[in-house]
């Protein structure tokens, strides 16, 4: 069985490797988004030829794993995200989980298709402080249809502690400007 210190070190090493290839944060031109499958787009962020979203820098999390219907984001809880009680605000949890689930859905979409979250349910089960150096939002798609997709995710620490879990429903649509075949 892997010790939590070994898992944390693996996560930190993986984060360093991702950051070495990462482009500066920015907004990808819509024509570039439209031309790629969702999987190509999300893989491009991990491989360093598509810019990660600006808010992920602000909230200190990044993409660390991607596959068909699966995504993991890693975040660094800090006092910057504290609520008035001195623990990480639930909005940080929700944004990290929503990002992972949405990107997992996106990995299954063909070129010219996009999504938006239409429903999000987050259950926080344990308080989070900066004593936990990193957490991972691990998401998987449950259903991907022409108009709707659903996904779930878990927010865990390197020792396996569950901090939150979530589900989402996404509306799937043609990205504006896409020509119909």
N, C-alpha and C. Protein backbone atom coordinates (compact mmCIF):
# COMPACT_ATOMS: atom_id res chain seq x y z
N UNK A 1 0.84 -1.19 0.00
CA UNK A 1 0.00 0.00 0.00
C UNK A 1 0.88 1.25 0.00
N UNK A 2 0.51 2.20 -0.83
CA UNK A 2 1.28 3.43 -0.98
C UNK A 2 1.01 4.36 0.20
N UNK A 3 2.07 4.92 0.79
CA UNK A 3 1.92 5.89 1.88
C UNK A 3 1.46 7.23 1.31
N UNK A 4 0.76 8.01 2.14
CA UNK A 4 0.27 9.31 1.67
C UNK A 4 1.42 10.24 1.30
N UNK A 5 2.56 10.14 2.00
CA UNK A 5 3.70 10.99 1.66
C UNK A 5 4.25 10.63 0.27
N UNK A 6 4.21 9.34 -0.09
CA UNK A 6 4.63 8.91 -1.42
C UNK A 6 3.66 9.43 -2.48
N UNK A 7 2.37 9.36 -2.18
CA UNK A 7 1.36 9.86 -3.11
C UNK A 7 1.51 11.36 -3.30
N UNK A 8 1.69 12.09 -2.20
CA UNK A 8 1.87 13.54 -2.30
C UNK A 8 3.09 13.85 -3.15
N UNK A 9 4.19 13.16 -2.94
CA UNK A 9 5.39 13.43 -3.73
C UNK A 9 5.15 13.14 -5.21
N UNK A 10 4.44 12.06 -5.49
CA UNK A 10 4.09 11.74 -6.89
C UNK A 10 3.25 12.86 -7.49
N UNK A 11 2.26 13.34 -6.74
CA UNK A 11 1.41 14.43 -7.21
C UNK A 11 2.23 15.69 -7.48
N UNK A 12 3.13 16.03 -6.56
CA UNK A 12 3.95 17.23 -6.73
C UNK A 12 4.88 17.10 -7.93
N UNK A 13 5.45 15.91 -8.12
CA UNK A 13 6.31 15.67 -9.29
C UNK A 13 5.51 15.80 -10.58
N UNK A 14 4.30 15.24 -10.58
CA UNK A 14 3.44 15.32 -11.76
C UNK A 14 3.07 16.77 -12.04
N UNK A 15 2.78 17.53 -11.00
CA UNK A 15 2.45 18.95 -11.15
C UNK A 15 3.63 19.73 -11.75
N UNK A 16 4.83 19.47 -11.27
CA UNK A 16 6.03 20.13 -11.80
C UNK A 16 6.18 19.83 -13.29
N UNK A 17 5.99 18.58 -13.66
CA UNK A 17 6.12 18.18 -15.05
C UNK A 17 5.07 18.89 -15.93
N UNK A 18 3.83 18.96 -15.46
CA UNK A 18 2.77 19.64 -16.22
C UNK A 18 3.10 21.12 -16.37
N UNK A 19 3.54 21.75 -15.31
CA UNK A 19 3.84 23.20 -15.36
C UNK A 19 4.99 23.51 -16.33
N UNK A 20 5.92 22.58 -16.52
CA UNK A 20 7.03 22.81 -17.45
C UNK A 20 6.54 22.93 -18.89
N UNK A 21 5.44 22.27 -19.23
CA UNK A 21 4.93 22.29 -20.60
C UNK A 21 3.76 23.25 -20.79
N UNK A 22 3.24 23.80 -19.70
CA UNK A 22 2.02 24.58 -19.75
C UNK A 22 2.24 25.95 -20.40
N UNK A 23 1.30 26.31 -21.26
CA UNK A 23 1.30 27.66 -21.84
C UNK A 23 0.81 28.65 -20.79
N UNK A 24 1.08 29.95 -21.00
CA UNK A 24 0.48 30.96 -20.11
C UNK A 24 -1.05 30.86 -20.18
N UNK A 25 -1.70 31.18 -19.09
CA UNK A 25 -3.16 31.13 -19.05
C UNK A 25 -3.74 32.14 -20.02
N UNK A 26 -4.86 31.77 -20.63
CA UNK A 26 -5.50 32.67 -21.57
C UNK A 26 -6.76 32.05 -22.14
N UNK A 27 -7.36 32.74 -23.06
CA UNK A 27 -8.60 32.28 -23.69
C UNK A 27 -8.26 31.77 -25.09
N UNK A 28 -8.62 30.53 -25.36
CA UNK A 28 -8.38 29.93 -26.66
C UNK A 28 -9.37 30.50 -27.66
N UNK A 29 -8.90 30.95 -28.82
CA UNK A 29 -9.84 31.48 -29.83
C UNK A 29 -10.93 30.45 -30.18
N UNK A 30 -12.15 30.94 -30.33
CA UNK A 30 -13.29 30.06 -30.59
C UNK A 30 -13.10 29.20 -31.83
N UNK A 31 -12.45 29.72 -32.86
CA UNK A 31 -12.20 28.92 -34.06
C UNK A 31 -11.32 27.71 -33.75
N UNK A 32 -10.34 27.88 -32.84
CA UNK A 32 -9.48 26.76 -32.43
C UNK A 32 -10.26 25.74 -31.61
N UNK A 33 -11.16 26.22 -30.76
CA UNK A 33 -12.00 25.32 -29.96
C UNK A 33 -12.92 24.54 -30.88
N UNK A 34 -13.56 25.23 -31.79
CA UNK A 34 -14.53 24.62 -32.70
C UNK A 34 -13.90 23.54 -33.58
N UNK A 35 -12.65 23.72 -33.95
CA UNK A 35 -11.98 22.82 -34.89
C UNK A 35 -11.48 21.52 -34.25
N UNK A 36 -11.45 21.45 -32.93
CA UNK A 36 -10.89 20.28 -32.25
C UNK A 36 -11.98 19.48 -31.54
N UNK A 37 -11.74 18.17 -31.42
CA UNK A 37 -12.62 17.38 -30.55
C UNK A 37 -12.36 17.84 -29.12
N UNK A 38 -13.28 17.55 -28.24
CA UNK A 38 -13.08 17.90 -26.84
C UNK A 38 -11.84 17.24 -26.26
N UNK A 39 -11.62 15.98 -26.63
CA UNK A 39 -10.44 15.27 -26.13
C UNK A 39 -9.16 15.95 -26.61
N UNK A 40 -9.12 16.34 -27.90
CA UNK A 40 -7.93 17.04 -28.42
C UNK A 40 -7.70 18.35 -27.68
N UNK A 41 -8.77 19.06 -27.39
CA UNK A 41 -8.66 20.34 -26.70
C UNK A 41 -8.12 20.16 -25.28
N UNK A 42 -8.70 19.24 -24.53
CA UNK A 42 -8.28 19.05 -23.14
C UNK A 42 -6.87 18.45 -23.09
N UNK A 43 -6.57 17.50 -23.98
CA UNK A 43 -5.20 16.97 -24.05
C UNK A 43 -4.21 18.07 -24.39
N UNK A 44 -4.63 19.00 -25.26
CA UNK A 44 -3.76 20.11 -25.64
C UNK A 44 -3.38 20.98 -24.46
N UNK A 45 -4.29 21.15 -23.51
CA UNK A 45 -3.97 21.91 -22.30
C UNK A 45 -2.89 21.19 -21.50
N UNK A 46 -3.03 19.87 -21.39
CA UNK A 46 -2.07 19.08 -20.62
C UNK A 46 -0.72 19.01 -21.32
N UNK A 47 -0.74 18.95 -22.65
CA UNK A 47 0.50 18.79 -23.42
C UNK A 47 1.17 20.12 -23.79
N UNK A 48 0.50 21.24 -23.50
CA UNK A 48 1.13 22.53 -23.68
C UNK A 48 0.96 23.20 -25.02
N UNK A 49 -0.11 22.88 -25.76
CA UNK A 49 -0.34 23.64 -26.99
C UNK A 49 -1.71 24.33 -26.99
N UNK A 50 -2.46 24.23 -25.91
CA UNK A 50 -3.69 24.99 -25.69
C UNK A 50 -3.55 25.67 -24.34
N UNK A 51 -3.96 26.94 -24.25
CA UNK A 51 -3.85 27.68 -23.00
C UNK A 51 -4.87 27.20 -21.97
N UNK A 52 -4.45 27.04 -20.71
CA UNK A 52 -5.44 26.77 -19.66
C UNK A 52 -6.25 28.03 -19.36
N UNK A 53 -7.44 27.85 -18.83
CA UNK A 53 -8.33 28.98 -18.54
C UNK A 53 -7.73 29.91 -17.48
N UNK A 54 -7.92 31.22 -17.64
CA UNK A 54 -7.35 32.19 -16.69
C UNK A 54 -7.77 31.96 -15.24
N UNK A 55 -9.03 31.54 -15.00
CA UNK A 55 -9.47 31.41 -13.61
C UNK A 55 -8.76 30.28 -12.88
N UNK A 56 -8.21 29.30 -13.61
CA UNK A 56 -7.50 28.21 -12.93
C UNK A 56 -6.20 28.72 -12.29
N UNK A 57 -5.61 29.74 -12.88
CA UNK A 57 -4.44 30.36 -12.26
C UNK A 57 -4.86 31.10 -10.99
N UNK A 58 -5.94 31.86 -11.09
CA UNK A 58 -6.45 32.63 -9.95
C UNK A 58 -6.78 31.71 -8.77
N UNK A 59 -7.36 30.54 -9.06
CA UNK A 59 -7.78 29.61 -8.00
C UNK A 59 -6.75 28.53 -7.71
N UNK A 60 -5.59 28.59 -8.35
CA UNK A 60 -4.45 27.71 -8.11
C UNK A 60 -4.79 26.23 -8.25
N UNK A 61 -5.30 25.87 -9.44
CA UNK A 61 -5.44 24.45 -9.75
C UNK A 61 -5.11 24.22 -11.21
N UNK A 62 -4.76 22.98 -11.55
CA UNK A 62 -4.38 22.66 -12.91
C UNK A 62 -4.76 21.24 -13.28
N UNK A 63 -4.88 21.03 -14.56
CA UNK A 63 -5.18 19.73 -15.13
C UNK A 63 -3.94 18.85 -14.98
N UNK A 64 -4.13 17.61 -14.50
CA UNK A 64 -3.00 16.69 -14.37
C UNK A 64 -3.21 15.36 -15.07
N UNK A 65 -4.45 15.02 -15.41
CA UNK A 65 -4.74 13.76 -16.11
C UNK A 65 -5.93 13.95 -17.03
N UNK A 66 -5.88 13.31 -18.19
CA UNK A 66 -7.02 13.35 -19.11
C UNK A 66 -7.08 12.04 -19.89
N UNK A 67 -8.29 11.56 -20.09
CA UNK A 67 -8.57 10.40 -20.92
C UNK A 67 -10.00 10.52 -21.41
N UNK A 68 -10.45 9.59 -22.21
CA UNK A 68 -11.83 9.64 -22.69
C UNK A 68 -12.79 9.48 -21.52
N UNK A 69 -13.55 10.54 -21.25
CA UNK A 69 -14.54 10.50 -20.17
C UNK A 69 -13.97 10.60 -18.78
N UNK A 70 -12.70 10.96 -18.66
CA UNK A 70 -12.03 11.04 -17.35
C UNK A 70 -11.08 12.23 -17.33
N UNK A 71 -11.10 12.98 -16.23
CA UNK A 71 -10.19 14.10 -16.04
C UNK A 71 -9.85 14.21 -14.56
N UNK A 72 -8.63 14.65 -14.26
CA UNK A 72 -8.27 14.98 -12.88
C UNK A 72 -7.61 16.36 -12.86
N UNK A 73 -8.06 17.17 -11.93
CA UNK A 73 -7.45 18.47 -11.66
C UNK A 73 -6.83 18.39 -10.27
N UNK A 74 -5.74 19.11 -10.08
CA UNK A 74 -5.08 19.16 -8.78
C UNK A 74 -5.09 20.60 -8.29
N UNK A 75 -5.42 20.78 -7.02
CA UNK A 75 -5.48 22.12 -6.47
C UNK A 75 -4.68 22.24 -5.19
N UNK A 76 -4.25 23.46 -4.92
CA UNK A 76 -3.50 23.78 -3.72
C UNK A 76 -4.36 24.65 -2.81
N UNK A 77 -4.96 24.07 -1.78
CA UNK A 77 -5.75 24.89 -0.85
C UNK A 77 -4.83 25.90 -0.16
N UNK A 78 -5.30 27.10 0.01
CA UNK A 78 -4.50 28.10 0.73
C UNK A 78 -5.43 29.04 1.48
N UNK A 79 -4.82 29.82 2.35
CA UNK A 79 -5.62 30.78 3.13
C UNK A 79 -6.25 31.85 2.24
N UNK A 80 -5.77 32.00 1.00
CA UNK A 80 -6.38 32.92 0.05
C UNK A 80 -7.85 32.57 -0.19
N UNK A 81 -8.21 31.31 0.03
CA UNK A 81 -9.56 30.83 -0.27
C UNK A 81 -10.38 30.59 0.99
N UNK A 82 -9.94 31.12 2.12
CA UNK A 82 -10.65 30.92 3.39
C UNK A 82 -12.01 31.61 3.40
N UNK A 83 -12.94 30.97 4.09
CA UNK A 83 -14.21 31.60 4.45
C UNK A 83 -13.99 32.28 5.81
N UNK A 84 -14.99 32.94 6.39
CA UNK A 84 -14.79 33.61 7.68
C UNK A 84 -14.45 32.67 8.84
N UNK A 85 -14.66 31.36 8.68
CA UNK A 85 -14.36 30.41 9.76
C UNK A 85 -12.95 29.83 9.67
N UNK A 86 -12.17 30.26 8.67
CA UNK A 86 -10.79 29.82 8.58
C UNK A 86 -10.58 28.49 7.88
N UNK A 87 -11.55 28.08 7.08
CA UNK A 87 -11.38 26.89 6.25
C UNK A 87 -11.64 27.28 4.79
N UNK A 88 -11.26 26.42 3.87
CA UNK A 88 -11.42 26.73 2.46
C UNK A 88 -12.90 26.85 2.11
N UNK A 89 -13.24 27.91 1.41
CA UNK A 89 -14.63 28.22 1.03
C UNK A 89 -15.19 27.15 0.11
N UNK A 90 -16.47 26.85 0.28
CA UNK A 90 -17.14 25.85 -0.54
C UNK A 90 -17.14 26.18 -2.02
N UNK A 91 -17.07 27.46 -2.37
CA UNK A 91 -17.02 27.85 -3.77
C UNK A 91 -15.76 27.36 -4.46
N UNK A 92 -14.66 27.27 -3.72
CA UNK A 92 -13.42 26.74 -4.29
C UNK A 92 -13.60 25.26 -4.59
N UNK A 93 -14.17 24.52 -3.62
CA UNK A 93 -14.47 23.10 -3.84
C UNK A 93 -15.32 22.95 -5.11
N UNK A 94 -16.41 23.73 -5.16
CA UNK A 94 -17.38 23.60 -6.25
C UNK A 94 -16.75 23.91 -7.61
N UNK A 95 -15.93 24.96 -7.67
CA UNK A 95 -15.31 25.33 -8.94
C UNK A 95 -14.34 24.25 -9.41
N UNK A 96 -13.56 23.71 -8.50
CA UNK A 96 -12.61 22.66 -8.86
C UNK A 96 -13.35 21.41 -9.35
N UNK A 97 -14.39 21.00 -8.64
CA UNK A 97 -15.17 19.82 -9.03
C UNK A 97 -15.92 20.05 -10.34
N UNK A 98 -16.54 21.22 -10.49
CA UNK A 98 -17.27 21.54 -11.72
C UNK A 98 -16.33 21.56 -12.92
N UNK A 99 -15.15 22.12 -12.75
CA UNK A 99 -14.18 22.16 -13.84
C UNK A 99 -13.78 20.75 -14.28
N UNK A 100 -13.52 19.88 -13.33
CA UNK A 100 -13.13 18.51 -13.66
C UNK A 100 -14.27 17.78 -14.37
N UNK A 101 -15.49 17.91 -13.86
CA UNK A 101 -16.62 17.21 -14.48
C UNK A 101 -16.91 17.74 -15.87
N UNK A 102 -16.90 19.07 -16.03
CA UNK A 102 -17.15 19.66 -17.34
C UNK A 102 -16.10 19.24 -18.36
N UNK A 103 -14.84 19.25 -17.95
CA UNK A 103 -13.78 18.84 -18.88
C UNK A 103 -13.88 17.35 -19.21
N UNK A 104 -14.29 16.53 -18.24
CA UNK A 104 -14.50 15.10 -18.52
C UNK A 104 -15.58 14.93 -19.58
N UNK A 105 -16.67 15.68 -19.46
CA UNK A 105 -17.73 15.65 -20.47
C UNK A 105 -17.17 16.09 -21.81
N UNK A 106 -16.39 17.17 -21.79
CA UNK A 106 -15.85 17.72 -23.04
C UNK A 106 -15.00 16.69 -23.79
N UNK A 107 -14.31 15.81 -23.06
CA UNK A 107 -13.45 14.82 -23.73
C UNK A 107 -14.23 13.87 -24.63
N UNK A 108 -15.53 13.78 -24.46
CA UNK A 108 -16.35 12.87 -25.26
C UNK A 108 -17.08 13.58 -26.41
N UNK A 109 -16.89 14.89 -26.54
CA UNK A 109 -17.61 15.64 -27.57
C UNK A 109 -16.82 15.73 -28.87
N UNK A 110 -17.52 15.62 -30.01
CA UNK A 110 -16.85 15.78 -31.30
C UNK A 110 -16.51 17.25 -31.55
N UNK A 111 -15.70 17.50 -32.56
CA UNK A 111 -15.39 18.87 -32.97
C UNK A 111 -16.69 19.61 -33.27
N UNK A 112 -16.73 20.88 -32.89
CA UNK A 112 -17.90 21.70 -33.16
C UNK A 112 -18.99 21.62 -32.10
N UNK A 113 -18.78 20.80 -31.08
CA UNK A 113 -19.77 20.68 -30.01
C UNK A 113 -19.19 21.21 -28.71
N UNK A 114 -20.02 21.86 -27.92
CA UNK A 114 -19.62 22.40 -26.64
C UNK A 114 -20.60 22.00 -25.56
N UNK A 115 -20.41 22.53 -24.37
CA UNK A 115 -21.27 22.19 -23.24
C UNK A 115 -21.31 23.37 -22.27
N UNK A 116 -22.28 23.36 -21.42
CA UNK A 116 -22.32 24.25 -20.27
C UNK A 116 -22.98 23.51 -19.13
N UNK A 117 -22.53 23.76 -17.92
CA UNK A 117 -23.13 23.12 -16.76
C UNK A 117 -24.51 23.71 -16.54
N UNK A 118 -25.51 22.83 -16.43
CA UNK A 118 -26.87 23.30 -16.15
C UNK A 118 -27.33 22.92 -14.75
N UNK A 119 -26.66 21.98 -14.14
CA UNK A 119 -27.00 21.58 -12.78
C UNK A 119 -25.75 21.08 -12.08
N UNK A 120 -25.58 21.50 -10.84
CA UNK A 120 -24.40 21.13 -10.07
C UNK A 120 -24.82 20.86 -8.63
N UNK A 121 -24.46 19.69 -8.13
CA UNK A 121 -24.72 19.36 -6.73
C UNK A 121 -23.38 19.00 -6.10
N UNK A 122 -23.04 19.70 -5.03
CA UNK A 122 -21.78 19.47 -4.34
C UNK A 122 -22.07 19.15 -2.88
N UNK A 123 -21.45 18.10 -2.39
CA UNK A 123 -21.56 17.74 -0.98
C UNK A 123 -20.17 17.83 -0.36
N UNK A 124 -19.99 18.77 0.56
CA UNK A 124 -18.73 18.90 1.29
C UNK A 124 -18.84 18.00 2.51
N UNK A 125 -17.87 17.11 2.68
CA UNK A 125 -17.95 16.15 3.78
C UNK A 125 -16.88 16.35 4.84
N UNK A 126 -15.88 17.17 4.54
CA UNK A 126 -14.81 17.43 5.51
C UNK A 126 -14.19 18.79 5.21
N UNK A 127 -13.91 19.55 6.26
CA UNK A 127 -13.27 20.86 6.10
C UNK A 127 -11.88 20.69 5.52
N UNK A 128 -11.45 21.71 4.80
CA UNK A 128 -10.15 21.69 4.14
C UNK A 128 -9.37 22.93 4.54
N UNK A 129 -8.13 22.72 4.98
CA UNK A 129 -7.23 23.81 5.34
C UNK A 129 -5.93 23.63 4.55
N UNK A 130 -5.07 24.66 4.55
CA UNK A 130 -3.79 24.53 3.84
C UNK A 130 -2.86 23.46 4.43
N UNK A 131 -3.23 22.85 5.57
CA UNK A 131 -2.43 21.72 6.08
C UNK A 131 -2.41 20.59 5.06
N UNK A 132 -3.47 20.51 4.27
CA UNK A 132 -3.52 19.54 3.17
C UNK A 132 -2.90 20.26 1.97
N UNK A 133 -1.71 19.81 1.56
CA UNK A 133 -0.96 20.56 0.54
C UNK A 133 -1.60 20.51 -0.84
N UNK A 134 -2.22 19.39 -1.19
CA UNK A 134 -2.85 19.25 -2.49
C UNK A 134 -4.09 18.37 -2.35
N UNK A 135 -5.05 18.63 -3.23
CA UNK A 135 -6.22 17.77 -3.39
C UNK A 135 -6.42 17.52 -4.87
N UNK A 136 -7.11 16.44 -5.17
CA UNK A 136 -7.43 16.11 -6.57
C UNK A 136 -8.93 15.97 -6.74
N UNK A 137 -9.42 16.60 -7.80
CA UNK A 137 -10.80 16.41 -8.24
C UNK A 137 -10.73 15.41 -9.38
N UNK A 138 -11.26 14.23 -9.14
CA UNK A 138 -11.21 13.14 -10.10
C UNK A 138 -12.62 12.93 -10.63
N UNK A 139 -12.80 13.16 -11.94
CA UNK A 139 -14.14 13.15 -12.54
C UNK A 139 -14.26 12.09 -13.61
N UNK A 140 -15.47 11.58 -13.73
CA UNK A 140 -15.77 10.63 -14.80
C UNK A 140 -17.17 10.88 -15.32
N UNK A 141 -17.34 10.65 -16.61
CA UNK A 141 -18.65 10.83 -17.24
C UNK A 141 -19.51 9.60 -16.94
N UNK A 142 -20.75 9.86 -16.58
CA UNK A 142 -21.71 8.79 -16.34
C UNK A 142 -22.58 8.53 -17.57
N UNK A 143 -22.91 9.62 -18.28
CA UNK A 143 -23.76 9.54 -19.48
C UNK A 143 -23.38 10.67 -20.41
N UNK A 144 -23.28 10.37 -21.70
CA UNK A 144 -23.01 11.41 -22.69
C UNK A 144 -23.94 11.19 -23.87
N UNK A 145 -24.91 12.08 -24.01
CA UNK A 145 -25.87 11.99 -25.10
C UNK A 145 -25.76 13.19 -26.02
N UNK A 146 -26.67 13.26 -26.96
CA UNK A 146 -26.64 14.36 -27.95
C UNK A 146 -26.92 15.72 -27.30
N UNK A 147 -27.81 15.76 -26.30
CA UNK A 147 -28.18 17.05 -25.69
C UNK A 147 -27.81 17.17 -24.22
N UNK A 148 -27.63 16.06 -23.53
CA UNK A 148 -27.31 16.08 -22.10
C UNK A 148 -26.17 15.13 -21.79
N UNK A 149 -25.39 15.51 -20.81
CA UNK A 149 -24.36 14.63 -20.28
C UNK A 149 -24.35 14.78 -18.76
N UNK A 150 -23.96 13.71 -18.08
CA UNK A 150 -23.84 13.77 -16.62
C UNK A 150 -22.47 13.22 -16.23
N UNK A 151 -21.98 13.71 -15.10
CA UNK A 151 -20.68 13.27 -14.59
C UNK A 151 -20.69 13.34 -13.08
N UNK A 152 -19.74 12.64 -12.48
CA UNK A 152 -19.54 12.77 -11.05
C UNK A 152 -18.06 12.94 -10.76
N UNK A 153 -17.76 13.40 -9.55
CA UNK A 153 -16.36 13.64 -9.17
C UNK A 153 -16.21 13.52 -7.67
N UNK A 154 -14.98 13.23 -7.28
CA UNK A 154 -14.60 13.17 -5.87
C UNK A 154 -13.41 14.10 -5.66
N UNK A 155 -13.38 14.81 -4.55
CA UNK A 155 -12.25 15.63 -4.17
C UNK A 155 -11.54 14.92 -3.03
N UNK A 156 -10.31 14.46 -3.28
CA UNK A 156 -9.58 13.64 -2.31
C UNK A 156 -8.20 14.21 -2.04
N UNK A 157 -7.70 13.88 -0.85
CA UNK A 157 -6.33 14.22 -0.48
C UNK A 157 -5.41 13.07 -0.81
N UNK A 158 -4.10 13.28 -0.68
CA UNK A 158 -3.13 12.23 -1.02
C UNK A 158 -3.22 11.01 -0.12
N UNK A 159 -3.84 11.15 1.05
CA UNK A 159 -4.02 10.00 1.95
C UNK A 159 -5.34 9.27 1.68
N UNK A 160 -6.08 9.72 0.65
CA UNK A 160 -7.35 9.09 0.31
C UNK A 160 -8.55 9.71 1.00
N UNK A 161 -8.35 10.69 1.87
CA UNK A 161 -9.46 11.34 2.56
C UNK A 161 -10.39 12.00 1.54
N UNK A 162 -11.68 11.75 1.69
CA UNK A 162 -12.69 12.38 0.84
C UNK A 162 -13.10 13.70 1.47
N UNK A 163 -12.95 14.80 0.72
CA UNK A 163 -13.34 16.11 1.20
C UNK A 163 -14.68 16.56 0.63
N UNK A 164 -15.00 16.10 -0.57
CA UNK A 164 -16.28 16.46 -1.20
C UNK A 164 -16.54 15.51 -2.35
N UNK A 165 -17.81 15.46 -2.75
CA UNK A 165 -18.18 14.73 -3.97
C UNK A 165 -19.26 15.54 -4.65
N UNK A 166 -19.41 15.31 -5.96
CA UNK A 166 -20.33 16.15 -6.73
C UNK A 166 -20.87 15.40 -7.94
N UNK A 167 -21.98 15.91 -8.45
CA UNK A 167 -22.54 15.45 -9.73
C UNK A 167 -22.90 16.70 -10.52
N UNK A 168 -22.92 16.54 -11.84
CA UNK A 168 -23.35 17.66 -12.67
C UNK A 168 -24.13 17.14 -13.87
N UNK A 169 -24.95 18.02 -14.39
CA UNK A 169 -25.63 17.82 -15.66
C UNK A 169 -25.15 18.92 -16.58
N UNK A 170 -24.80 18.55 -17.80
CA UNK A 170 -24.33 19.52 -18.78
C UNK A 170 -25.24 19.50 -20.00
N UNK A 171 -25.56 20.68 -20.49
CA UNK A 171 -26.25 20.81 -21.76
C UNK A 171 -25.20 20.75 -22.86
N UNK A 172 -25.44 19.98 -23.89
CA UNK A 172 -24.52 19.82 -25.01
C UNK A 172 -25.13 20.50 -26.22
N UNK A 173 -24.32 21.25 -26.97
CA UNK A 173 -24.86 22.06 -28.08
C UNK A 173 -23.80 22.25 -29.16
N UNK A 174 -24.27 22.70 -30.32
CA UNK A 174 -23.35 23.09 -31.39
C UNK A 174 -22.74 24.43 -31.02
N UNK A 175 -21.42 24.54 -31.17
CA UNK A 175 -20.75 25.82 -30.89
C UNK A 175 -21.17 26.81 -31.98
N UNK A 176 -21.59 28.00 -31.61
CA UNK A 176 -22.04 28.98 -32.61
C UNK A 176 -20.99 29.18 -33.70
N UNK A 177 -21.48 29.29 -34.95
CA UNK A 177 -20.60 29.49 -36.09
C UNK A 177 -20.22 28.20 -36.79
N UNK A 178 -20.54 27.09 -36.19
CA UNK A 178 -20.22 25.78 -36.79
C UNK A 178 -21.15 25.54 -37.97
N UNK A 179 -20.58 25.19 -39.10
CA UNK A 179 -21.44 24.87 -40.25
C UNK A 179 -22.03 23.48 -40.08
N UNK A 180 -23.27 23.33 -40.47
CA UNK A 180 -23.98 22.05 -40.35
C UNK A 180 -23.72 21.23 -41.60
N UNK A 181 -23.41 19.97 -41.42
CA UNK A 181 -23.16 19.08 -42.56
C UNK A 181 -24.40 18.35 -42.95
